[in-house]
Amino acid sequence: MEKPKKPFYKRWWVWVLAVIIVGAIASGGGEDSEPASTEPKKEAEAKKEEPKKEEKTVAKIGQPLKVGDVTFTVYGTSTAKSVGPEGLAHNAQGTFLIIDVGVKNGAKEALTIDSSFFKLKANGAEYEADVTADTFVNDVGGSFFLKKINPGNEGKGKIVFDVPADVATSKDVVLNVQTGFFGTEQGQIQLTK
């Protein structure tokens, strides 16, 4: 007569294998992960150093700033408490800082630009454009909402930021510009006159 077979979980080799697997998972793979984690740190440090070099070149109002194949120019700024037609006005939580911008495409292909390519930096804070206010202050087709600019052409429009009143009048306000959705090429324009 044959011996009845033991269930697999009652065999000694299953438990040894389970202990080895649990130990490997708990240790995280040992020394192999340490060199891999130090190399990305070096790459990250190198990437952090590169934008610092780019940030040294800061343009001023009226001065073109070339970032990659794109040239950005701030023509002027203004402030408002609300934008839009009476009865449909869009009111600011603080103050609207309205920036008149030109974007010239120096590449050989069409460029798609968006108001998200612009960020306002002041007092250590970063502000995003108010897309709703952008549509009110720009003429039809003048906003930077996914606007295509062909090679050699310049698109002009206004970017609106809803900021505290002290930021709108601050001398330390910088417009950060970028050439794509991922922000790989950036530049800065000082907004004081």
Foldseek 3Di string as FASTA:
>chain_A
DDDDDDPPVPDPVVVVVVVVVVVCVVCVNPPPVVVVVVVVVVVVVVLVVVVVVQAVDAAEAQDWDDWPQKIKHWPAKDKDQWFADPPPIDGFPAIKIKIKMKMAGQDQAKAFFAQQQKWKDDPRDIWGFDVVRQVRQWDVLQGSHRRIDGHGGMHIGMTITRDHPCQSPDQAMKMKGARDPVRSIIYIYGHDD
